Amino acid sequence: MESVVEPLEGNKVKLSVTVESGEFESAIDRAWKVIAKEVKVPGFRAGKVPRKVLESRIEPGYARSEALQQALPDYYVQAVREHSVDVIAQPKIDITAGEDEGDVSFDAVVEVRPEITLDGYQDLTIEIPSPHPSDDDIADQLDRIRGQYGEIVAVERAADTGDYVSIDITGSDEDGEPIDGLTADDYLYEVGAGTVVPELDAELVGMEAGEVATFDADHPDPDEDTQVHFEVEVKEVKERLLPDLDDDWVAEATEFETVDQLRDDVITRSTASRRAQAAAALQSRLGDKLAELVTEEIPDALIGAEMRARLDDMIHRLSHQGITLEQYLSFTGTEPAKFTEDLRETATASTKVDLALRAIATAEDLAPSDEEFEQELEQLAAGNDIDVEALREQLDRNDQLVPIRSDLASRNALRWLTDHVNVVDESGLPVKREDLESPDLEDETGDEHDHDHSDHDHEHD
């Protein structure tokens, strides 16, 4: 078999393949064997009819036609492998010679993955949240811990956000009838929680015990397209008193002995959290920036393939939860058309990032070394509990070795880019790469101390 590849316009190539008649004869012989299993000839068992007998009963052109239909896809795949053509769609095959006799020739026109030229990636600046917790962050965390031991006490003043109020609340429909779930007496509510309707929090701020307010608001249930008339009476205003942040309280309430020890632990864990958030933001925003740099039109075949892959993955994950896609859309109130639109948007962005990383890998010569490739195969083999050579043969049969090398190159490009882009925080200050690495935590199990002892909450009238 001989083949040549020719680039065409529109992100396509033409593979021209020629198979000599002698080589093609084996395909014809295979076709006769298939035919022998399908026809019945008196005196012969199925599949055991000699070819000469079949040729005397069946037009030989039929076997040649079957051979063309069965063998051309294999010849096409061989040509794709020979020239390392990165196809992204099904080919259009036209037989140019040999339909009736002689050498067989055909052309296969197929869409290929575009190789883009990417400008501007060398000078990218990525803004991320600061990986360092501020003094206010640490103070808030300490207050959260103290709040688990706080006491709720009555006060003689107007309510403010963060206070608690004991209220009688009535939500009525247009006929003045109380609505279940929106009517309660002696209801303890945290001002600013927003768990009823936003208008309630706005009304409560500034109210004192004994005051009554009325207002209208949309029904909190989005499926209920109605207005609700609310009447709320504040019966008592309360606030949460936090314990003093001193060594005695720390030793009694936590696993630490001093305020400094507790603060150090909060700083360590807050830093780990902030660094993880910053690192994730860097990857996400870097992807957004890369997608913006890709101005070429993306082939629908690539976007469609990415959409199908993401959809299949989602359906697979939902199935493990015993949920169908239809049920998920119903639970989340998502219209199928909106779901498809969002899926296409995400797939388009992901495809652009992939093309951008491939372009960077090429421009910066970041192809994986043979050692990197072998290490990847070893990891894949270990993860699938299979011998490395058996995995290699399996991947080769399925034409997956080249994609694995491409994935490794893209990973190298992402690492290279992460190391070379300018990274700044919200204030514009540079962020060091080491500040995006998680600090070592004393708890080697990785479990964070949550300091959560909610049974210490008390309410005092």
Protein backbone atom coordinates (compact mmCIF):
# COMPACT_ATOMS: atom_id res chain seq x y z
CA MET A 1 0.00 0.00 0.00
CA GLU A 2 1.25 3.47 -0.87
CA SER A 3 -0.17 6.75 0.43
CA VAL A 4 0.48 10.45 0.26
CA VAL A 5 -1.08 13.30 2.21
CA GLU A 6 -1.96 16.70 0.81
CA PRO A 7 -3.16 19.70 2.85
CA LEU A 8 -6.41 21.32 1.73
CA GLU A 9 -8.19 24.53 2.62
CA GLY A 10 -10.72 24.56 5.42
CA ASN A 11 -8.58 22.68 7.92
CA LYS A 12 -8.66 19.45 5.92
CA VAL A 13 -6.21 17.05 4.29
CA LYS A 14 -6.52 14.55 1.46
CA LEU A 15 -5.03 11.10 1.86
CA SER A 16 -4.48 9.43 -1.52
CA VAL A 17 -4.05 5.67 -1.14
CA THR A 18 -3.14 3.01 -3.71
CA VAL A 19 -3.32 -0.74 -3.05
CA GLU A 20 -1.80 -3.03 -5.64
CA SER A 21 -4.09 -5.72 -7.01
CA GLY A 22 -1.97 -8.50 -5.54
CA GLU A 23 -2.26 -7.03 -2.05
CA PHE A 24 -5.95 -6.38 -2.48
CA GLU A 25 -6.50 -10.03 -3.40
CA SER A 26 -6.23 -10.96 0.27
CA ALA A 27 -9.14 -8.61 1.02
CA ILE A 28 -11.18 -10.28 -1.72
CA ASP A 29 -10.36 -13.69 -0.26
CA ARG A 30 -11.58 -12.52 3.17
CA ALA A 31 -14.78 -11.27 1.56
CA TRP A 32 -15.42 -14.69 -0.04
CA LYS A 33 -14.96 -16.33 3.39
CA VAL A 34 -17.59 -14.01 4.86
CA ILE A 35 -19.93 -14.75 1.95
CA ALA A 36 -19.40 -18.50 2.49
CA LYS A 37 -20.85 -18.17 5.99
CA GLU A 38 -23.93 -16.37 4.69
CA VAL A 39 -25.02 -18.60 1.77
CA LYS A 40 -26.29 -22.16 1.74
CA VAL A 41 -25.07 -24.56 -0.92
CA PRO A 42 -26.38 -28.14 -0.97
CA GLY A 43 -23.69 -30.60 0.02
CA PHE A 44 -21.58 -28.10 1.97
CA ARG A 45 -21.68 -26.97 5.56
CA ALA A 46 -22.09 -23.26 6.27
CA GLY A 47 -18.75 -21.51 5.94
CA LYS A 48 -17.12 -24.49 4.20
CA VAL A 49 -18.15 -23.72 0.63
CA PRO A 50 -15.02 -23.50 -1.58
CA ARG A 51 -14.40 -20.18 -3.28
CA LYS A 52 -14.53 -21.72 -6.77
CA VAL A 53 -18.00 -23.09 -6.03
CA LEU A 54 -19.13 -19.68 -4.84
CA GLU A 55 -17.66 -17.97 -7.90
CA SER A 56 -19.71 -20.28 -10.10
CA ARG A 57 -22.90 -19.23 -8.35
CA ILE A 58 -22.26 -15.59 -7.40
CA GLU A 59 -21.11 -12.70 -9.56
CA PRO A 60 -17.41 -12.12 -8.67
CA GLY A 61 -18.02 -8.39 -8.69
CA TYR A 62 -20.14 -8.83 -5.58
CA ALA A 63 -17.15 -10.16 -3.59
CA ARG A 64 -14.95 -7.31 -4.85
CA SER A 65 -17.58 -4.78 -3.79
CA GLU A 66 -17.76 -6.39 -0.34
CA ALA A 67 -13.95 -6.38 -0.11
CA LEU A 68 -13.85 -2.68 -0.92
CA GLN A 69 -16.45 -1.91 1.72
CA GLN A 70 -14.66 -3.97 4.38
CA ALA A 71 -11.01 -3.18 3.60
CA LEU A 72 -10.97 0.52 2.68
CA PRO A 73 -11.48 1.68 6.29
CA ASP A 74 -8.46 -0.43 7.32
CA TYR A 75 -6.31 0.99 4.53
CA TYR A 76 -7.43 4.47 5.54
CA VAL A 77 -6.42 3.88 9.18
CA GLN A 78 -3.02 2.59 8.04
CA ALA A 79 -2.48 5.77 6.03
CA VAL A 80 -3.54 7.95 8.97
CA ARG A 81 -1.03 6.15 11.20
CA GLU A 82 1.73 6.31 8.60
CA HIS A 83 1.47 10.08 8.26
CA SER A 84 0.44 10.80 11.91
CA VAL A 85 -2.64 12.67 10.74
CA ASP A 86 -4.57 14.06 13.74
CA VAL A 87 -8.09 13.50 12.42
CA ILE A 88 -11.08 14.90 14.28
CA ALA A 89 -13.98 13.71 12.11
CA GLN A 90 -15.10 10.91 9.85
CA PRO A 91 -13.52 10.91 6.36
CA LYS A 92 -15.24 11.25 3.01
CA ILE A 93 -13.87 8.42 0.87
CA ASP A 94 -14.04 8.38 -2.94
CA ILE A 95 -12.78 5.37 -4.92
CA THR A 96 -10.79 6.67 -7.88
CA ALA A 97 -9.73 3.37 -9.44
CA GLY A 98 -10.13 -0.39 -9.07
CA GLU A 99 -13.83 -0.79 -8.45
CA ASP A 100 -13.99 -3.49 -11.12
CA GLU A 101 -10.40 -4.73 -11.44
CA GLY A 102 -6.71 -3.91 -11.03
CA ASP A 103 -5.05 -1.71 -8.44
CA VAL A 104 -7.37 0.02 -5.99
CA SER A 105 -7.02 3.74 -5.39
CA PHE A 106 -9.08 6.05 -3.25
CA ASP A 107 -8.99 9.56 -1.79
CA ALA A 108 -9.99 10.26 1.81
CA VAL A 109 -10.73 13.88 2.68
CA VAL A 110 -10.87 14.44 6.42
CA GLU A 111 -10.92 17.33 8.87
CA VAL A 112 -7.87 17.56 11.12
CA ARG A 113 -7.06 19.27 14.38
CA PRO A 114 -5.95 22.83 13.60
CA GLU A 115 -2.46 23.92 14.56
CA ILE A 116 -2.81 27.50 15.71
CA THR A 117 -0.23 30.22 16.24
CA LEU A 118 -0.64 31.79 19.66
CA ASP A 119 0.50 35.33 20.37
CA GLY A 120 0.66 37.07 23.73
CA TYR A 121 1.06 34.10 26.04
CA GLN A 122 4.59 35.18 27.00
CA ASP A 123 3.33 38.42 28.60
CA LEU A 124 0.24 37.24 30.46
CA THR A 125 -0.55 38.70 33.87
CA ILE A 126 -2.94 36.72 36.07
CA GLU A 127 -4.66 38.30 39.06
CA ILE A 128 -5.57 35.92 41.88
CA PRO A 129 -6.76 36.23 45.48
CA SER A 130 -3.92 36.82 47.89
CA PRO A 131 -2.51 33.55 49.25
CA HIS A 132 -1.88 35.29 52.57
CA PRO A 133 -4.70 35.68 55.11
CA SER A 134 -5.07 39.24 56.34
CA ASP A 135 -5.21 40.25 59.98
CA ASP A 136 -8.97 40.70 59.53
CA ASP A 137 -9.24 37.17 58.16
CA ILE A 138 -7.48 35.76 61.21
CA ALA A 139 -9.61 37.85 63.54
CA ASP A 140 -12.77 36.63 61.82
CA GLN A 141 -11.64 33.02 62.17
CA LEU A 142 -10.93 33.50 65.86
CA ASP A 143 -14.33 35.14 66.30
CA ARG A 144 -15.96 32.19 64.52
CA ILE A 145 -14.33 29.82 67.00
CA ARG A 146 -15.36 32.02 69.93
CA GLY A 147 -18.84 32.23 68.48
CA GLN A 148 -19.29 28.49 68.96
CA TYR A 149 -19.03 29.15 72.67
CA GLY A 150 -20.96 32.42 72.70
CA GLU A 151 -24.01 33.18 74.80
CA ILE A 152 -27.12 34.78 73.33
CA VAL A 153 -28.46 37.42 75.69
CA ALA A 154 -31.26 39.99 75.55
CA VAL A 155 -30.37 43.67 75.03
CA GLU A 156 -32.30 46.91 75.32
CA ARG A 157 -31.58 48.51 71.94
CA ALA A 158 -32.51 48.42 68.28
CA ALA A 159 -31.65 45.35 66.22
CA ASP A 160 -28.68 45.36 63.88
CA THR A 161 -27.27 42.90 61.34
CA GLY A 162 -25.86 39.90 63.17
CA ASP A 163 -28.24 40.23 66.10
CA TYR A 164 -30.97 37.76 66.94
CA VAL A 165 -34.60 38.75 67.31
CA SER A 166 -37.54 36.86 68.71
CA ILE A 167 -40.45 37.66 66.40
CA ASP A 168 -44.04 36.83 65.60
CA ILE A 169 -44.35 36.74 61.83
CA THR A 170 -47.38 36.25 59.62
CA GLY A 171 -47.28 35.87 55.84
CA SER A 172 -50.71 36.18 54.23
CA ASP A 173 -52.00 35.56 50.73
CA GLU A 174 -54.12 38.02 48.73
CA ASP A 175 -57.22 36.82 50.58
CA GLY A 176 -55.61 37.52 53.96
CA GLU A 177 -55.17 33.85 54.79
CA PRO A 178 -51.94 32.91 56.66
CA ILE A 179 -49.52 30.87 54.57
CA ASP A 180 -48.04 27.71 56.06
CA GLY A 181 -44.27 27.98 56.41
CA LEU A 182 -44.38 31.79 56.47
CA THR A 183 -46.22 32.15 59.77
CA ALA A 184 -44.70 31.52 63.21
CA ASP A 185 -44.73 32.77 66.81
CA ASP A 186 -41.65 33.30 69.00
CA TYR A 187 -39.39 32.64 66.04
CA LEU A 188 -35.70 33.26 66.77
CA TYR A 189 -34.22 34.83 63.66
CA GLU A 190 -30.71 36.07 62.88
CA VAL A 191 -30.89 39.50 61.28
CA GLY A 192 -29.17 39.43 57.92
CA ALA A 193 -29.50 35.66 57.44
CA GLY A 194 -31.76 36.16 54.43
CA THR A 195 -33.53 32.86 55.01
CA VAL A 196 -37.07 34.20 54.57
CA VAL A 197 -37.17 37.19 52.19
CA PRO A 198 -34.63 40.01 51.79
CA GLU A 199 -37.24 42.59 52.78
CA LEU A 200 -37.51 41.06 56.25
CA ASP A 201 -33.85 41.78 57.07
CA ALA A 202 -34.17 45.32 55.78
CA GLU A 203 -37.20 45.94 58.00
CA LEU A 204 -35.69 44.39 61.14
CA VAL A 205 -32.57 46.56 61.15
CA GLY A 206 -33.37 49.45 63.51
CA MET A 207 -36.47 47.88 65.08
CA GLU A 208 -36.81 47.61 68.86
CA ALA A 209 -38.82 45.26 71.06
CA GLY A 210 -42.56 45.97 70.78
CA GLU A 211 -42.40 47.49 67.28
CA VAL A 212 -44.43 46.14 64.37
CA ALA A 213 -43.68 46.37 60.65
CA THR A 214 -45.72 45.44 57.58
CA PHE A 215 -44.45 44.99 54.03
CA ASP A 216 -45.07 43.10 50.81
CA ALA A 217 -42.61 40.79 49.08
CA ASP A 218 -42.45 38.14 46.40
CA HIS A 219 -43.18 34.63 47.59
CA PRO A 220 -39.83 33.01 48.52
CA ASP A 221 -40.74 29.89 46.54
CA PRO A 222 -39.72 30.66 42.91
CA ASP A 223 -42.52 28.38 41.69
CA GLU A 224 -45.07 30.61 43.42
CA ASP A 225 -45.55 33.73 41.28
CA THR A 226 -47.46 35.65 43.95
CA GLN A 227 -47.04 38.50 46.42
CA VAL A 228 -47.08 37.89 50.16
CA HIS A 229 -48.17 40.43 52.77
CA PHE A 230 -46.00 40.19 55.88
CA GLU A 231 -46.60 41.48 59.40
CA VAL A 232 -43.75 41.10 61.87
CA GLU A 233 -43.57 42.05 65.55
CA VAL A 234 -40.24 42.21 67.36
CA LYS A 235 -40.68 40.74 70.83
CA GLU A 236 -37.05 40.78 71.92
CA VAL A 237 -33.63 41.81 70.59
CA LYS A 238 -30.64 39.62 71.47
CA GLU A 239 -26.96 39.53 70.76
CA ARG A 240 -24.28 36.86 70.95
CA LEU A 241 -21.66 37.62 73.60
CA LEU A 242 -18.30 36.10 72.80
CA PRO A 243 -15.99 34.77 75.52
CA ASP A 244 -12.83 36.72 76.22
CA LEU A 245 -9.94 35.62 74.05
CA ASP A 246 -7.47 34.77 76.79
CA ASP A 247 -5.28 31.84 77.75
CA ASP A 248 -7.76 30.54 80.35
CA TRP A 249 -10.58 30.29 77.82
CA VAL A 250 -8.31 28.79 75.14
CA ALA A 251 -7.05 26.09 77.52
CA GLU A 252 -10.60 25.26 78.61
CA ALA A 253 -12.32 25.29 75.22
CA THR A 254 -9.71 24.11 72.73
CA GLU A 255 -6.84 21.64 72.37
CA PHE A 256 -4.37 24.51 72.81
CA GLU A 257 -2.97 26.09 75.94
CA THR A 258 -2.48 29.70 74.89
CA VAL A 259 -3.96 32.33 72.61
CA ASP A 260 -0.71 32.42 70.65
CA GLN A 261 -0.88 28.69 69.98
CA LEU A 262 -4.48 28.95 68.82
CA ARG A 263 -3.71 31.96 66.64
CA ASP A 264 -0.71 30.17 65.08
CA ASP A 265 -2.89 27.19 64.24
CA VAL A 266 -5.55 29.43 62.69
CA ILE A 267 -2.89 31.22 60.66
CA THR A 268 -1.43 27.92 59.42
CA ARG A 269 -4.78 26.50 58.38
CA SER A 270 -6.04 29.77 56.93
CA THR A 271 -2.83 30.05 54.93
CA ALA A 272 -3.28 26.52 53.59
CA SER A 273 -6.83 27.34 52.58
CA ARG A 274 -5.91 30.66 50.97
CA ARG A 275 -3.02 29.08 49.09
CA ALA A 276 -5.24 26.31 47.77
CA GLN A 277 -7.82 28.87 46.65
CA ALA A 278 -5.13 31.01 45.02
CA ALA A 279 -3.60 28.04 43.20
CA ALA A 280 -7.01 26.95 41.92
CA ALA A 281 -7.77 30.51 40.82
CA LEU A 282 -4.46 30.66 38.95
CA GLN A 283 -5.31 27.55 36.94
CA SER A 284 -8.87 28.70 36.25
CA ARG A 285 -7.99 32.26 35.25
CA LEU A 286 -5.00 31.08 33.25
CA GLY A 287 -7.39 28.92 31.26
CA ASP A 288 -9.69 31.89 30.71
CA LYS A 289 -6.78 34.01 29.48
CA LEU A 290 -5.61 31.27 27.10
CA ALA A 291 -9.09 30.88 25.65
CA GLU A 292 -9.21 34.64 25.00
CA LEU A 293 -5.95 34.43 23.03
CA VAL A 294 -7.43 31.89 20.60
CA THR A 295 -9.09 33.96 17.88
CA GLU A 296 -9.37 31.28 15.19
CA GLU A 297 -12.72 29.67 14.50
CA ILE A 298 -12.92 26.31 16.24
CA PRO A 299 -14.11 23.32 14.15
CA ASP A 300 -17.56 22.09 15.15
CA ALA A 301 -16.21 18.53 15.13
CA LEU A 302 -13.82 19.35 17.99
CA ILE A 303 -16.47 21.15 20.02
CA GLY A 304 -18.95 18.35 19.43
CA ALA A 305 -16.47 15.73 20.57
CA GLU A 306 -15.73 17.68 23.75
CA MET A 307 -19.45 18.12 24.41
CA ARG A 308 -20.05 14.39 24.05
CA ALA A 309 -17.13 13.58 26.33
CA ARG A 310 -18.35 15.95 29.02
CA LEU A 311 -21.93 14.74 28.70
CA ASP A 312 -20.88 11.09 28.93
CA ASP A 313 -18.78 11.86 32.01
CA MET A 314 -21.66 13.69 33.67
CA ILE A 315 -24.15 10.90 32.91
CA HIS A 316 -21.67 8.38 34.31
CA ARG A 317 -21.21 10.36 37.54
CA LEU A 318 -24.95 10.86 37.95
CA SER A 319 -25.59 7.15 37.44
CA HIS A 320 -23.38 6.39 40.44
CA GLN A 321 -25.79 8.53 42.47
CA GLY A 322 -28.80 6.75 41.01
CA ILE A 323 -29.88 9.85 39.07
CA THR A 324 -30.63 10.24 35.38
CA LEU A 325 -29.80 13.35 33.41
CA GLU A 326 -33.51 14.10 33.05
CA GLN A 327 -33.95 13.91 36.83
CA TYR A 328 -30.93 16.17 37.36
CA LEU A 329 -32.33 18.80 35.01
CA SER A 330 -35.68 18.57 36.79
CA PHE A 331 -34.12 18.83 40.27
CA THR A 332 -32.05 21.87 39.31
CA GLY A 333 -34.81 23.52 37.30
CA THR A 334 -32.57 23.67 34.22
CA GLU A 335 -34.16 23.81 30.78
CA PRO A 336 -32.63 21.31 28.31
CA ALA A 337 -31.92 24.09 25.82
CA LYS A 338 -30.09 26.12 28.49
CA PHE A 339 -28.17 23.03 29.57
CA THR A 340 -27.04 22.38 26.00
CA GLU A 341 -26.09 26.03 25.52
CA ASP A 342 -23.96 26.04 28.69
CA LEU A 343 -22.40 22.70 27.75
CA ARG A 344 -21.40 24.03 24.35
CA GLU A 345 -19.95 27.21 25.88
CA THR A 346 -17.86 25.20 28.35
CA ALA A 347 -16.74 22.75 25.67
CA THR A 348 -15.72 25.60 23.36
CA ALA A 349 -13.59 27.23 26.05
CA SER A 350 -12.00 23.89 26.96
CA THR A 351 -11.20 23.19 23.31
CA LYS A 352 -9.59 26.60 22.91
CA VAL A 353 -7.41 25.99 25.98
CA ASP A 354 -6.35 22.61 24.58
CA LEU A 355 -5.37 24.13 21.23
CA ALA A 356 -3.50 26.93 23.00
CA LEU A 357 -1.48 24.51 25.13
CA ARG A 358 -0.64 22.44 22.07
CA ALA A 359 0.58 25.59 20.33
CA ILE A 360 2.75 26.54 23.32
CA ALA A 361 4.15 23.02 23.55
CA THR A 362 5.20 23.27 19.90
CA ALA A 363 6.56 26.81 20.14
CA GLU A 364 8.57 26.12 23.30
CA ASP A 365 9.68 22.61 22.29
CA LEU A 366 7.98 20.93 25.26
CA ALA A 367 7.39 17.49 23.78
CA PRO A 368 7.69 14.79 26.47
CA SER A 369 10.93 12.86 26.68
CA ASP A 370 10.98 9.10 26.26
CA GLU A 371 11.51 8.84 30.02
CA GLU A 372 8.42 10.95 30.74
CA PHE A 373 6.39 8.85 28.31
CA GLU A 374 7.52 5.57 29.89
CA GLN A 375 6.76 6.89 33.39
CA GLU A 376 3.25 7.82 32.23
CA LEU A 377 2.70 4.32 30.82
CA GLU A 378 3.94 2.78 34.08
CA GLN A 379 1.53 4.90 36.10
CA LEU A 380 -1.36 4.05 33.79
CA ALA A 381 -0.49 0.36 33.93
CA ALA A 382 -0.30 0.41 37.74
CA GLY A 383 -3.61 2.24 37.95
CA ASN A 384 -5.29 -0.33 35.73
CA ASP A 385 -3.49 -3.34 37.26
CA ILE A 386 -2.04 -4.41 33.92
CA ASP A 387 1.43 -5.18 32.59
CA VAL A 388 3.12 -2.21 30.93
CA GLU A 389 3.79 -4.02 27.67
CA ALA A 390 0.24 -5.35 27.53
CA LEU A 391 -1.02 -1.81 28.07
CA ARG A 392 1.30 -0.50 25.36
CA GLU A 393 -0.05 -3.06 22.86
CA GLN A 394 -3.62 -2.24 23.83
CA LEU A 395 -3.07 1.50 23.45
CA ASP A 396 -1.31 0.96 20.12
CA ARG A 397 -4.25 -1.08 18.78
CA ASN A 398 -6.62 1.72 19.80
CA ASP A 399 -4.38 4.49 18.41
CA GLN A 400 -3.96 6.02 21.86
CA LEU A 401 -0.17 6.31 22.10
CA VAL A 402 0.01 9.54 20.11
CA PRO A 403 -2.81 11.19 22.14
CA ILE A 404 -0.98 10.30 25.35
CA ARG A 405 2.15 12.04 24.09
CA SER A 406 0.03 15.04 23.16
CA ASP A 407 -1.53 15.14 26.62
CA LEU A 408 1.93 15.03 28.22
CA ALA A 409 3.07 17.88 25.99
CA SER A 410 0.04 19.93 27.03
CA ARG A 411 0.80 19.27 30.68
CA ASN A 412 4.38 20.39 30.13
CA ALA A 413 3.05 23.54 28.45
CA LEU A 414 0.75 24.26 31.38
CA ARG A 415 3.61 23.87 33.86
CA TRP A 416 5.84 26.05 31.72
CA LEU A 417 3.17 28.70 31.46
CA THR A 418 2.40 28.60 35.19
CA ASP A 419 6.08 29.22 35.88
CA HIS A 420 6.42 32.08 33.37
CA VAL A 421 3.25 34.18 33.67
CA ASN A 422 3.14 37.23 35.93
CA VAL A 423 1.01 36.50 38.98
CA VAL A 424 -0.32 39.33 41.16
CA ASP A 425 -2.87 39.61 43.94
CA GLU A 426 -5.88 41.95 44.10
CA SER A 427 -3.67 44.87 45.13
CA GLY A 428 -1.27 44.30 42.24
CA LEU A 429 1.55 42.92 44.37
CA PRO A 430 3.57 40.05 42.84
CA VAL A 431 2.82 36.56 44.15
CA LYS A 432 5.72 34.19 44.71
CA ARG A 433 5.34 30.67 43.35
CA GLU A 434 6.28 29.16 46.71
CA ASP A 435 3.33 31.01 48.25
CA LEU A 436 1.01 28.84 46.15
CA GLU A 437 2.27 25.65 47.77
CA SER A 438 0.40 24.30 50.77
CA PRO A 439 2.26 24.64 54.07
CA ASP A 440 2.92 21.51 56.11
CA LEU A 441 0.23 20.95 58.69
CA GLU A 442 1.05 19.34 62.01
CA ASP A 443 -1.90 16.95 61.61
CA GLU A 444 -0.32 14.37 59.29
CA THR A 445 -3.67 12.76 58.58
CA GLY A 446 -4.70 15.92 56.73
CA ASP A 447 -7.83 16.32 58.85
CA GLU A 448 -8.33 19.89 59.94
CA HIS A 449 -9.31 20.74 63.46
CA ASP A 450 -12.64 22.44 63.00
CA HIS A 451 -12.93 23.59 66.64
CA ASP A 452 -16.64 22.84 66.22
CA HIS A 453 -18.23 22.34 69.63
CA SER A 454 -21.69 23.68 68.95
CA ASP A 455 -23.03 22.04 72.12
CA HIS A 456 -21.37 24.93 73.96
CA ASP A 457 -23.86 27.42 72.48
CA HIS A 458 -26.14 28.77 75.16
CA GLU A 459 -29.12 31.03 75.12
CA HIS A 460 -29.86 33.14 78.14
CA ASP A 461 -32.92 35.30 78.40
